[in-house]
Each structure stands twice: as C-alpha cells, then as structure tokens.
PDB file of N, CA and C in Angstrom:
ATOM      1  N   MET A   1     -36.707 -55.694 -10.862  1.00  0.00           N
ATOM      2  CA  MET A   1     -35.867 -56.590 -11.635  1.00  0.00           C
ATOM      3  C   MET A   1     -35.638 -57.874 -10.843  1.00  0.00           C
ATOM      4  N   ALA A   2     -35.888 -58.990 -11.465  1.00  0.00           N
ATOM      5  CA  ALA A   2     -35.676 -60.279 -10.809  1.00  0.00           C
ATOM      6  C   ALA A   2     -34.249 -60.760 -11.071  1.00  0.00           C
ATOM      7  N   PHE A   3     -33.640 -61.289 -10.026  1.00  0.00           N
ATOM      8  CA  PHE A   3     -32.296 -61.850 -10.121  1.00  0.00           C
ATOM      9  C   PHE A   3     -32.398 -63.361 -10.340  1.00  0.00           C
ATOM     10  N   THR A   4     -31.397 -63.930 -10.968  1.00  0.00           N
ATOM     11  CA  THR A   4     -31.291 -65.381 -11.068  1.00  0.00           C
ATOM     12  C   THR A   4     -30.528 -65.865  -9.848  1.00  0.00           C
ATOM     13  N   VAL A   5     -30.976 -66.978  -9.265  1.00  0.00           N
ATOM     14  CA  VAL A   5     -30.330 -67.543  -8.081  1.00  0.00           C
ATOM     15  C   VAL A   5     -29.518 -68.760  -8.506  1.00  0.00           C
ATOM     16  N   PHE A   6     -28.241 -68.764  -8.131  1.00  0.00           N
ATOM     17  CA  PHE A   6     -27.325 -69.851  -8.460  1.00  0.00           C
ATOM     18  C   PHE A   6     -26.833 -70.508  -7.166  1.00  0.00           C
ATOM     19  N   PHE A   7     -26.639 -71.824  -7.195  1.00  0.00           N
ATOM     20  CA  PHE A   7     -26.100 -72.567  -6.063  1.00  0.00           C
ATOM     21  C   PHE A   7     -24.674 -73.009  -6.374  1.00  0.00           C
ATOM     22  N   SER A   8     -23.760 -72.752  -5.449  1.00  0.00           N
ATOM     23  CA  SER A   8     -22.397 -73.268  -5.601  1.00  0.00           C
ATOM     24  C   SER A   8     -22.399 -74.770  -5.310  1.00  0.00           C
ATOM     25  N   LYS A   9     -21.321 -75.435  -5.667  1.00  0.00           N
ATOM     26  CA  LYS A   9     -21.180 -76.868  -5.347  1.00  0.00           C
ATOM     27  C   LYS A   9     -21.236 -77.080  -3.836  1.00  0.00           C
ATOM     28  N   ASP A  10     -20.585 -76.183  -3.068  1.00  0.00           N
ATOM     29  CA  ASP A  10     -20.621 -76.291  -1.610  1.00  0.00           C
ATOM     30  C   ASP A  10     -22.046 -76.217  -1.087  1.00  0.00           C
ATOM     31  N   ALA A  11     -22.823 -75.287  -1.602  1.00  0.00           N
ATOM     32  CA  ALA A  11     -24.206 -75.124  -1.143  1.00  0.00           C
ATOM     33  C   ALA A  11     -25.041 -76.358  -1.491  1.00  0.00           C
ATOM     34  N   GLU A  12     -24.860 -76.885  -2.690  1.00  0.00           N
ATOM     35  CA  GLU A  12     -25.578 -78.112  -3.074  1.00  0.00           C
ATOM     36  C   GLU A  12     -25.179 -79.266  -2.160  1.00  0.00           C
ATOM     37  N   ASN A  13     -23.885 -79.380  -1.877  1.00  0.00           N
ATOM     38  CA  ASN A  13     -23.422 -80.432  -0.965  1.00  0.00           C
ATOM     39  C   ASN A  13     -23.999 -80.239   0.432  1.00  0.00           C
ATOM     40  N   ASP A  14     -24.061 -78.994   0.883  1.00  0.00           N
ATOM     41  CA  ASP A  14     -24.656 -78.704   2.197  1.00  0.00           C
ATOM     42  C   ASP A  14     -26.104 -79.195   2.245  1.00  0.00           C
ATOM     43  N   LEU A  15     -26.868 -78.888   1.202  1.00  0.00           N
ATOM     44  CA  LEU A  15     -28.268 -79.324   1.149  1.00  0.00           C
ATOM     45  C   LEU A  15     -28.387 -80.841   1.220  1.00  0.00           C
ATOM     46  N   HIS A  16     -27.555 -81.531   0.460  1.00  0.00           N
ATOM     47  CA  HIS A  16     -27.604 -83.003   0.461  1.00  0.00           C
ATOM     48  C   HIS A  16     -27.241 -83.564   1.832  1.00  0.00           C
ATOM     49  N   GLU A  17     -26.244 -82.974   2.469  1.00  0.00           N
ATOM     50  CA  GLU A  17     -25.829 -83.445   3.795  1.00  0.00           C
ATOM     51  C   GLU A  17     -26.903 -83.195   4.843  1.00  0.00           C
ATOM     52  N   ILE A  18     -27.538 -82.034   4.794  1.00  0.00           N
ATOM     53  CA  ILE A  18     -28.620 -81.722   5.734  1.00  0.00           C
ATOM     54  C   ILE A  18     -29.760 -82.714   5.553  1.00  0.00           C
ATOM     55  N   PHE A  19     -30.165 -82.909   4.309  1.00  0.00           N
ATOM     56  CA  PHE A  19     -31.263 -83.835   4.009  1.00  0.00           C
ATOM     57  C   PHE A  19     -30.921 -85.247   4.490  1.00  0.00           C
ATOM     58  N   ALA A  20     -29.737 -85.722   4.145  1.00  0.00           N
ATOM     59  CA  ALA A  20     -29.339 -87.091   4.517  1.00  0.00           C
ATOM     60  C   ALA A  20     -29.285 -87.260   6.031  1.00  0.00           C
ATOM     61  N   TYR A  21     -28.749 -86.270   6.726  1.00  0.00           N
ATOM     62  CA  TYR A  21     -28.626 -86.368   8.180  1.00  0.00           C
ATOM     63  C   TYR A  21     -30.002 -86.471   8.848  1.00  0.00           C
ATOM     64  N   ILE A  22     -30.923 -85.596   8.452  1.00  0.00           N
ATOM     65  CA  ILE A  22     -32.255 -85.612   9.062  1.00  0.00           C
ATOM     66  C   ILE A  22     -33.005 -86.885   8.675  1.00  0.00           C
ATOM     67  N   LYS A  23     -32.872 -87.292   7.434  1.00  0.00           N
ATOM     68  CA  LYS A  23     -33.541 -88.515   6.977  1.00  0.00           C
ATOM     69  C   LYS A  23     -33.014 -89.724   7.739  1.00  0.00           C
ATOM     70  N   GLN A  24     -31.702 -89.830   7.905  1.00  0.00           N
ATOM     71  CA  GLN A  24     -31.104 -90.954   8.617  1.00  0.00           C
ATOM     72  C   GLN A  24     -31.448 -90.939  10.100  1.00  0.00           C
ATOM     73  N   SER A  25     -31.809 -89.766  10.614  1.00  0.00           N
ATOM     74  CA  SER A  25     -32.206 -89.661  12.014  1.00  0.00           C
ATOM     75  C   SER A  25     -33.615 -90.203  12.231  1.00  0.00           C
ATOM     76  N   GLY A  26     -34.258 -90.631  11.148  1.00  0.00           N
ATOM     77  CA  GLY A  26     -35.583 -91.228  11.256  1.00  0.00           C
ATOM     78  C   GLY A  26     -36.729 -90.291  10.928  1.00  0.00           C
ATOM     79  N   TYR A  27     -36.431 -89.175  10.283  1.00  0.00           N
ATOM     80  CA  TYR A  27     -37.462 -88.179   9.985  1.00  0.00           C
ATOM     81  C   TYR A  27     -37.454 -87.788   8.509  1.00  0.00           C
ATOM     82  N   PRO A  28     -37.757 -88.737   7.619  1.00  0.00           N
ATOM     83  CA  PRO A  28     -37.687 -88.415   6.180  1.00  0.00           C
ATOM     84  C   PRO A  28     -38.659 -87.323   5.745  1.00  0.00           C
ATOM     85  N   VAL A  29     -39.834 -87.261   6.353  1.00  0.00           N
ATOM     86  CA  VAL A  29     -40.802 -86.218   5.980  1.00  0.00           C
ATOM     87  C   VAL A  29     -40.281 -84.848   6.420  1.00  0.00           C
ATOM     88  N   ASN A  30     -39.717 -84.784   7.628  1.00  0.00           N
ATOM     89  CA  ASN A  30     -39.142 -83.523   8.107  1.00  0.00           C
ATOM     90  C   ASN A  30     -37.994 -83.081   7.201  1.00  0.00           C
ATOM     91  N   ALA A  31     -37.179 -84.042   6.771  1.00  0.00           N
ATOM     92  CA  ALA A  31     -36.048 -83.731   5.887  1.00  0.00           C
ATOM     93  C   ALA A  31     -36.548 -83.135   4.581  1.00  0.00           C
ATOM     94  N   ALA A  32     -37.564 -83.740   4.006  1.00  0.00           N
ATOM     95  CA  ALA A  32     -38.112 -83.238   2.741  1.00  0.00           C
ATOM     96  C   ALA A  32     -38.734 -81.861   2.920  1.00  0.00           C
ATOM     97  N   ASN A  33     -39.462 -81.663   4.023  1.00  0.00           N
ATOM     98  CA  ASN A  33     -40.091 -80.358   4.276  1.00  0.00           C
ATOM     99  C   ASN A  33     -39.042 -79.263   4.468  1.00  0.00           C
ATOM    100  N   LEU A  34     -37.989 -79.572   5.228  1.00  0.00           N
ATOM    101  CA  LEU A  34     -36.931 -78.590   5.449  1.00  0.00           C
ATOM    102  C   LEU A  34     -36.222 -78.252   4.145  1.00  0.00           C
ATOM    103  N   LEU A  35     -35.929 -79.269   3.352  1.00  0.00           N
ATOM    104  CA  LEU A  35     -35.275 -79.042   2.062  1.00  0.00           C
ATOM    105  C   LEU A  35     -36.132 -78.120   1.186  1.00  0.00           C
ATOM    106  N   SER A  36     -37.429 -78.360   1.162  1.00  0.00           N
ATOM    107  CA  SER A  36     -38.340 -77.509   0.380  1.00  0.00           C
ATOM    108  C   SER A  36     -38.346 -76.074   0.900  1.00  0.00           C
ATOM    109  N   LEU A  37     -38.369 -75.910   2.214  1.00  0.00           N
ATOM    110  CA  LEU A  37     -38.380 -74.583   2.813  1.00  0.00           C
ATOM    111  C   LEU A  37     -37.092 -73.820   2.494  1.00  0.00           C
ATOM    112  N   ILE A  38     -35.949 -74.495   2.587  1.00  0.00           N
ATOM    113  CA  ILE A  38     -34.671 -73.845   2.277  1.00  0.00           C
ATOM    114  C   ILE A  38     -34.619 -73.465   0.801  1.00  0.00           C
ATOM    115  N   ARG A  39     -35.017 -74.380  -0.067  1.00  0.00           N
ATOM    116  CA  ARG A  39     -35.003 -74.081  -1.509  1.00  0.00           C
ATOM    117  C   ARG A  39     -35.944 -72.915  -1.845  1.00  0.00           C
ATOM    118  N   LYS A  40     -37.114 -72.874  -1.211  1.00  0.00           N
ATOM    119  CA  LYS A  40     -38.049 -71.772  -1.459  1.00  0.00           C
ATOM    120  C   LYS A  40     -37.458 -70.447  -0.975  1.00  0.00           C
ATOM    121  N   THR A  41     -36.846 -70.463   0.197  1.00  0.00           N
ATOM    122  CA  THR A  41     -36.226 -69.247   0.721  1.00  0.00           C
ATOM    123  C   THR A  41     -35.142 -68.745  -0.225  1.00  0.00           C
ATOM    124  N   CYS A  42     -34.347 -69.673  -0.751  1.00  0.00           N
ATOM    125  CA  CYS A  42     -33.304 -69.294  -1.709  1.00  0.00           C
ATOM    126  C   CYS A  42     -33.923 -68.741  -2.993  1.00  0.00           C
ATOM    127  N   ALA A  43     -34.953 -69.389  -3.490  1.00  0.00           N
ATOM    128  CA  ALA A  43     -35.615 -68.920  -4.716  1.00  0.00           C
ATOM    129  C   ALA A  43     -36.214 -67.532  -4.514  1.00  0.00           C
ATOM    130  N   ASP A  44     -36.730 -67.272  -3.317  1.00  0.00           N
ATOM    131  CA  ASP A  44     -37.321 -65.965  -3.027  1.00  0.00           C
ATOM    132  C   ASP A  44     -36.298 -64.838  -3.052  1.00  0.00           C
ATOM    133  N   LEU A  45     -35.012 -65.181  -2.990  1.00  0.00           N
ATOM    134  CA  LEU A  45     -33.971 -64.156  -3.073  1.00  0.00           C
ATOM    135  C   LEU A  45     -33.921 -63.491  -4.449  1.00  0.00           C
ATOM    136  N   SER A  46     -34.613 -64.071  -5.417  1.00  0.00           N
ATOM    137  CA  SER A  46     -34.644 -63.438  -6.740  1.00  0.00           C
ATOM    138  C   SER A  46     -35.345 -62.080  -6.670  1.00  0.00           C
ATOM    139  N   GLU A  47     -36.169 -61.883  -5.667  1.00  0.00           N
ATOM    140  CA  GLU A  47     -36.840 -60.608  -5.403  1.00  0.00           C
ATOM    141  C   GLU A  47     -36.290 -60.045  -4.095  1.00  0.00           C
ATOM    142  N   ILE A  48     -35.786 -58.872  -4.090  1.00  0.00           N
ATOM    143  CA  ILE A  48     -35.251 -58.160  -2.915  1.00  0.00           C
ATOM    144  C   ILE A  48     -34.172 -58.977  -2.186  1.00  0.00           C
ATOM    145  N   PRO A  49     -33.081 -59.309  -2.855  1.00  0.00           N
ATOM    146  CA  PRO A  49     -32.032 -60.102  -2.199  1.00  0.00           C
ATOM    147  C   PRO A  49     -31.307 -59.350  -1.080  1.00  0.00           C
ATOM    148  N   GLU A  50     -31.420 -58.037  -1.057  1.00  0.00           N
ATOM    149  CA  GLU A  50     -30.738 -57.234  -0.036  1.00  0.00           C
ATOM    150  C   GLU A  50     -31.347 -57.399   1.352  1.00  0.00           C
ATOM    151  N   ARG A  51     -32.446 -58.125   1.458  1.00  0.00           N
ATOM    152  CA  ARG A  51     -33.131 -58.233   2.755  1.00  0.00           C
ATOM    153  C   ARG A  51     -32.334 -58.997   3.803  1.00  0.00           C
ATOM    154  N   GLY A  52     -31.401 -59.818   3.382  1.00  0.00           N
ATOM    155  CA  GLY A  52     -30.576 -60.550   4.341  1.00  0.00           C
ATOM    156  C   GLY A  52     -29.571 -59.634   5.016  1.00  0.00           C
ATOM    157  N   ARG A  53     -29.170 -60.016   6.226  1.00  0.00           N
ATOM    158  CA  ARG A  53     -28.174 -59.209   6.945  1.00  0.00           C
ATOM    159  C   ARG A  53     -26.764 -59.591   6.484  1.00  0.00           C
ATOM    160  N   ILE A  54     -25.820 -58.695   6.684  1.00  0.00           N
ATOM    161  CA  ILE A  54     -24.418 -58.983   6.396  1.00  0.00           C
ATOM    162  C   ILE A  54     -23.949 -60.017   7.428  1.00  0.00           C
ATOM    163  N   VAL A  55     -23.188 -61.012   6.998  1.00  0.00           N
ATOM    164  CA  VAL A  55     -22.730 -62.088   7.885  1.00  0.00           C
ATOM    165  C   VAL A  55     -21.843 -61.470   8.976  1.00  0.00           C
ATOM    166  N   PRO A  56     -22.266 -61.554  10.251  1.00  0.00           N
ATOM    167  CA  PRO A  56     -21.541 -60.870  11.332  1.00  0.00           C
ATOM    168  C   PRO A  56     -20.076 -61.290  11.469  1.00  0.00           C
ATOM    169  N   GLU A  57     -19.794 -62.581  11.313  1.00  0.00           N
ATOM    170  CA  GLU A  57     -18.415 -63.058  11.456  1.00  0.00           C
ATOM    171  C   GLU A  57     -17.502 -62.463  10.396  1.00  0.00           C
ATOM    172  N   LEU A  58     -18.042 -62.214   9.214  1.00  0.00           N
ATOM    173  CA  LEU A  58     -17.257 -61.619   8.139  1.00  0.00           C
ATOM    174  C   LEU A  58     -17.210 -60.094   8.264  1.00  0.00           C
ATOM    175  N   LYS A  59     -18.295 -59.516   8.729  1.00  0.00           N
ATOM    176  CA  LYS A  59     -18.344 -58.063   8.904  1.00  0.00           C
ATOM    177  C   LYS A  59     -17.265 -57.606   9.889  1.00  0.00           C
ATOM    178  N   ARG A  60     -17.026 -58.426  10.944  1.00  0.00           N
ATOM    179  CA  ARG A  60     -16.012 -58.081  11.943  1.00  0.00           C
ATOM    180  C   ARG A  60     -14.618 -57.943  11.350  1.00  0.00           C
ATOM    181  N   ILE A  61     -14.374 -58.642  10.244  1.00  0.00           N
ATOM    182  CA  ILE A  61     -13.046 -58.563   9.627  1.00  0.00           C
ATOM    183  C   ILE A  61     -13.068 -57.724   8.347  1.00  0.00           C
ATOM    184  N   GLY A  62     -14.130 -56.932   8.195  1.00  0.00           N
ATOM    185  CA  GLY A  62     -14.188 -55.977   7.095  1.00  0.00           C
ATOM    186  C   GLY A  62     -14.735 -56.505   5.791  1.00  0.00           C
ATOM    187  N   ILE A  63     -15.344 -57.686   5.794  1.00  0.00           N
ATOM    188  CA  ILE A  63     -15.930 -58.242   4.565  1.00  0.00           C
ATOM    189  C   ILE A  63     -17.439 -58.055   4.640  1.00  0.00           C
ATOM    190  N   SER A  64     -17.971 -57.250   3.726  1.00  0.00           N
ATOM    191  CA  SER A  64     -19.409 -56.962   3.775  1.00  0.00           C
ATOM    192  C   SER A  64     -20.137 -57.376   2.497  1.00  0.00           C
ATOM    193  N   ASP A  65     -19.508 -58.219   1.701  1.00  0.00           N
ATOM    194  CA  ASP A  65     -20.112 -58.649   0.438  1.00  0.00           C
ATOM    195  C   ASP A  65     -21.089 -59.809   0.606  1.00  0.00           C
ATOM    196  N   PHE A  66     -21.055 -60.472   1.749  1.00  0.00           N
ATOM    197  CA  PHE A  66     -21.859 -61.673   1.947  1.00  0.00           C
ATOM    198  C   PHE A  66     -23.001 -61.394   2.914  1.00  0.00           C
ATOM    199  N   ARG A  67     -24.171 -61.897   2.552  1.00  0.00           N
ATOM    200  CA  ARG A  67     -25.368 -61.734   3.370  1.00  0.00           C
ATOM    201  C   ARG A  67     -25.870 -63.111   3.788  1.00  0.00           C
ATOM    202  N   GLU A  68     -26.817 -63.095   4.715  1.00  0.00           N
ATOM    203  CA  GLU A  68     -27.384 -64.370   5.137  1.00  0.00           C
ATOM    204  C   GLU A  68     -28.843 -64.215   5.516  1.00  0.00           C
ATOM    205  N   LEU A  69     -29.549 -65.330   5.346  1.00  0.00           N
ATOM    206  CA  LEU A  69     -30.905 -65.487   5.852  1.00  0.00           C
ATOM    207  C   LEU A  69     -30.896 -66.722   6.742  1.00  0.00           C
ATOM    208  N   ILE A  70     -31.744 -66.718   7.749  1.00  0.00           N
ATOM    209  CA  ILE A  70     -31.830 -67.839   8.675  1.00  0.00           C
ATOM    210  C   ILE A  70     -33.123 -68.599   8.404  1.00  0.00           C
ATOM    211  N   VAL A  71     -33.009 -69.914   8.268  1.00  0.00           N
ATOM    212  CA  VAL A  71     -34.165 -70.795   8.144  1.00  0.00           C
ATOM    213  C   VAL A  71     -34.012 -71.860   9.214  1.00  0.00           C
ATOM    214  N   LYS A  72     -34.890 -71.804  10.202  1.00  0.00           N
ATOM    215  CA  LYS A  72     -34.798 -72.669  11.387  1.00  0.00           C
ATOM    216  C   LYS A  72     -33.425 -72.448  12.004  1.00  0.00           C
ATOM    217  N   VAL A  73     -32.547 -73.468  12.023  1.00  0.00           N
ATOM    218  CA  VAL A  73     -31.192 -73.279  12.588  1.00  0.00           C
ATOM    219  C   VAL A  73     -30.134 -73.139  11.498  1.00  0.00           C
ATOM    220  N   TYR A  74     -30.558 -73.063  10.251  1.00  0.00           N
ATOM    221  CA  TYR A  74     -29.620 -73.038   9.132  1.00  0.00           C
ATOM    222  C   TYR A  74     -29.416 -71.629   8.606  1.00  0.00           C
ATOM    223  N   ARG A  75     -28.171 -71.331   8.274  1.00  0.00           N
ATOM    224  CA  ARG A  75     -27.777 -70.026   7.753  1.00  0.00           C
ATOM    225  C   ARG A  75     -27.472 -70.155   6.263  1.00  0.00           C
ATOM    226  N   ILE A  76     -28.227 -69.440   5.456  1.00  0.00           N
ATOM    227  CA  ILE A  76     -28.013 -69.417   4.009  1.00  0.00           C
ATOM    228  C   ILE A  76     -27.116 -68.220   3.727  1.00  0.00           C
ATOM    229  N   ILE A  77     -25.899 -68.492   3.290  1.00  0.00           N
ATOM    230  CA  ILE A  77     -24.925 -67.435   3.056  1.00  0.00           C
ATOM    231  C   ILE A  77     -24.800 -67.221   1.547  1.00  0.00           C
ATOM    232  N   TYR A  78     -24.986 -65.971   1.141  1.00  0.00           N
ATOM    233  CA  TYR A  78     -25.031 -65.671  -0.286  1.00  0.00           C
ATOM    234  C   TYR A  78     -24.388 -64.319  -0.593  1.00  0.00           C
ATOM    235  N   GLU A  79     -24.213 -64.109  -1.892  1.00  0.00           N
ATOM    236  CA  GLU A  79     -23.595 -62.885  -2.403  1.00  0.00           C
ATOM    237  C   GLU A  79     -24.447 -62.383  -3.564  1.00  0.00           C
ATOM    238  N   ILE A  80     -24.516 -61.096  -3.716  1.00  0.00           N
ATOM    239  CA  ILE A  80     -25.308 -60.480  -4.786  1.00  0.00           C
ATOM    240  C   ILE A  80     -24.367 -59.728  -5.720  1.00  0.00           C
ATOM    241  N   ASP A  81     -24.570 -59.900  -7.021  1.00  0.00           N
ATOM    242  CA  ASP A  81     -23.912 -59.007  -7.972  1.00  0.00           C
ATOM    243  C   ASP A  81     -24.881 -58.744  -9.113  1.00  0.00           C
ATOM    244  N   ALA A  82     -24.445 -58.001 -10.082  1.00  0.00           N
ATOM    245  CA  ALA A  82     -25.340 -57.581 -11.167  1.00  0.00           C
ATOM    246  C   ALA A  82     -25.921 -58.755 -11.947  1.00  0.00           C
ATOM    247  N   SER A  83     -25.220 -59.888 -11.967  1.00  0.00           N
ATOM    248  CA  SER A  83     -25.695 -61.019 -12.758  1.00  0.00           C
ATOM    249  C   SER A  83     -26.528 -62.019 -11.972  1.00  0.00           C
ATOM    250  N   GLY A  84     -26.618 -61.876 -10.649  1.00  0.00           N
ATOM    251  CA  GLY A  84     -27.460 -62.805  -9.906  1.00  0.00           C
ATOM    252  C   GLY A  84     -27.140 -62.871  -8.423  1.00  0.00           C
ATOM    253  N   VAL A  85     -27.782 -63.830  -7.786  1.00  0.00           N
ATOM    254  CA  VAL A  85     -27.580 -64.125  -6.370  1.00  0.00           C
ATOM    255  C   VAL A  85     -26.887 -65.483  -6.311  1.00  0.00           C
ATOM    256  N   TYR A  86     -25.782 -65.541  -5.585  1.00  0.00           N
ATOM    257  CA  TYR A  86     -24.984 -66.759  -5.512  1.00  0.00           C
ATOM    258  C   TYR A  86     -25.038 -67.320  -4.099  1.00  0.00           C
ATOM    259  N   ILE A  87     -25.668 -68.493  -3.953  1.00  0.00           N
ATOM    260  CA  ILE A  87     -25.742 -69.161  -2.660  1.00  0.00           C
ATOM    261  C   ILE A  87     -24.418 -69.907  -2.485  1.00  0.00           C
ATOM    262  N   HIS A  88     -23.659 -69.528  -1.459  1.00  0.00           N
ATOM    263  CA  HIS A  88     -22.349 -70.135  -1.236  1.00  0.00           C
ATOM    264  C   HIS A  88     -22.373 -71.272  -0.228  1.00  0.00           C
ATOM    265  N   SER A  89     -23.199 -71.133   0.811  1.00  0.00           N
ATOM    266  CA  SER A  89     -23.215 -72.135   1.882  1.00  0.00           C
ATOM    267  C   SER A  89     -24.572 -72.162   2.556  1.00  0.00           C
ATOM    268  N   ILE A  90     -24.908 -73.327   3.065  1.00  0.00           N
ATOM    269  CA  ILE A  90     -26.085 -73.487   3.916  1.00  0.00           C
ATOM    270  C   ILE A  90     -25.587 -74.267   5.118  1.00  0.00           C
ATOM    271  N   LEU A  91     -25.400 -73.547   6.224  1.00  0.00           N
ATOM    272  CA  LEU A  91     -24.703 -74.111   7.373  1.00  0.00           C
ATOM    273  C   LEU A  91     -25.595 -74.186   8.598  1.00  0.00           C
ATOM    274  N   ASP A  92     -25.352 -75.190   9.403  1.00  0.00           N
ATOM    275  CA  ASP A  92     -26.035 -75.311  10.687  1.00  0.00           C
ATOM    276  C   ASP A  92     -25.493 -74.209  11.593  1.00  0.00           C
ATOM    277  N   GLY A  93     -26.344 -73.306  12.024  1.00  0.00           N
ATOM    278  CA  GLY A  93     -25.931 -72.179  12.842  1.00  0.00           C
ATOM    279  C   GLY A  93     -25.415 -72.563  14.211  1.00  0.00           C
ATOM    280  N   ARG A  94     -25.609 -73.815  14.614  1.00  0.00           N
ATOM    281  CA  ARG A  94     -25.101 -74.276  15.904  1.00  0.00           C
ATOM    282  C   ARG A  94     -23.630 -74.662  15.814  1.00  0.00           C
ATOM    283  N   ARG A  95     -23.120 -74.751  14.600  1.00  0.00           N
ATOM    284  CA  ARG A  95     -21.702 -75.063  14.398  1.00  0.00           C
ATOM    285  C   ARG A  95     -20.874 -73.788  14.512  1.00  0.00           C
ATOM    286  N   ASP A  96     -19.572 -73.975  14.558  1.00  0.00           N
ATOM    287  CA  ASP A  96     -18.657 -72.831  14.551  1.00  0.00           C
ATOM    288  C   ASP A  96     -18.566 -72.339  13.104  1.00  0.00           C
ATOM    289  N   VAL A  97     -19.462 -71.442  12.757  1.00  0.00           N
ATOM    290  CA  VAL A  97     -19.593 -70.988  11.376  1.00  0.00           C
ATOM    291  C   VAL A  97     -18.328 -70.281  10.900  1.00  0.00           C
ATOM    292  N   GLN A  98     -17.684 -69.540  11.772  1.00  0.00           N
ATOM    293  CA  GLN A  98     -16.476 -68.821  11.377  1.00  0.00           C
ATOM    294  C   GLN A  98     -15.396 -69.794  10.898  1.00  0.00           C
ATOM    295  N   THR A  99     -15.208 -70.892  11.613  1.00  0.00           N
ATOM    296  CA  THR A  99     -14.214 -71.889  11.211  1.00  0.00           C
ATOM    297  C   THR A  99     -14.586 -72.527   9.876  1.00  0.00           C
ATOM    298  N   VAL A 100     -15.842 -72.859   9.697  1.00  0.00           N
ATOM    299  CA  VAL A 100     -16.283 -73.463   8.437  1.00  0.00           C
ATOM    300  C   VAL A 100     -16.051 -72.510   7.277  1.00  0.00           C
ATOM    301  N   LEU A 101     -16.383 -71.240   7.471  1.00  0.00           N
ATOM    302  CA  LEU A 101     -16.169 -70.260   6.405  1.00  0.00           C
ATOM    303  C   LEU A 101     -14.694 -70.115   6.062  1.00  0.00           C
ATOM    304  N   TRP A 102     -13.841 -70.068   7.086  1.00  0.00           N
ATOM    305  CA  TRP A 102     -12.404 -69.956   6.823  1.00  0.00           C
ATOM    306  C   TRP A 102     -11.881 -71.165   6.063  1.00  0.00           C
ATOM    307  N   GLN A 103     -12.358 -72.366   6.434  1.00  0.00           N
ATOM    308  CA  GLN A 103     -11.926 -73.579   5.726  1.00  0.00           C
ATOM    309  C   GLN A 103     -12.321 -73.520   4.263  1.00  0.00           C
ATOM    310  N   ARG A 104     -13.492 -73.015   3.994  1.00  0.00           N
ATOM    311  CA  ARG A 104     -13.944 -72.932   2.602  1.00  0.00           C
ATOM    312  C   ARG A 104     -13.199 -71.857   1.834  1.00  0.00           C
ATOM    313  N   ILE A 105     -12.873 -70.765   2.486  1.00  0.00           N
ATOM    314  CA  ILE A 105     -12.127 -69.702   1.815  1.00  0.00           C
ATOM    315  C   ILE A 105     -10.710 -70.190   1.472  1.00  0.00           C
ATOM    316  N   ILE A 106     -10.111 -70.939   2.368  1.00  0.00           N
ATOM    317  CA  ILE A 106      -8.748 -71.446   2.146  1.00  0.00           C
ATOM    318  C   ILE A 106      -8.710 -72.392   0.953  1.00  0.00           C
ATOM    319  N   ARG A 107      -9.769 -73.182   0.764  1.00  0.00           N
ATOM    320  CA  ARG A 107      -9.799 -74.110  -0.376  1.00  0.00           C
ATOM    321  C   ARG A 107      -9.762 -73.311  -1.616  1.00  0.00           C
TER     322      ARG A 107
END
C-alpha cells in the first residue's frame, strides 16, 4: 500500500530556507541538487515509511511517534498514520535539534 506524503508549512519553509542559504553562499547548482535529493527522499517515504529511525531526542522523553531520515547533514522528521506520511521538519543536524523541536511544539 502506498502512502501519500504531505509537507507541513514548517517543512516547506525549511526547504526554502535551506535552498536560499546554499544558493546565496554561491552554490546555486548544489542548492538545486540538494533540494531535489531531499524531495525525492521524502517522496520515497510513500513506500515503507517505517524505515526511518525514531527521533532520539524525542524517544528520550517517551515520544515515539516521530521518525527521521538523514540526507547529508539534514534530518527529515516525519510522522506516519493511516492517512499518510506527514513531513514536519527538515533541519540541519548540526543545529541544536532538540531546542528547535521544542520551539515548534510550543507554537
């Protein structure tokens, strides 16, 4: 059974920020290639979405509903339910991901 993959507003904003940052750094081709790779990885979640690991920072506090896949240094954080796969965030893994997640949960 194939799942439908949905992007949250946060995830879409993350993609735009990643693309803009790399492009402004003088690497527009790299930005486009990375964006394509991330989008393909997300689309591939329509088949076997369980392959991602549970987000360790959330698992430590007893939350096991969110999974992640790593693409280069970026963490794609998503959730699976009967109606689809929901991409919540695409974060630079070099950042303090726990703080970013808490800020988004508080909103």
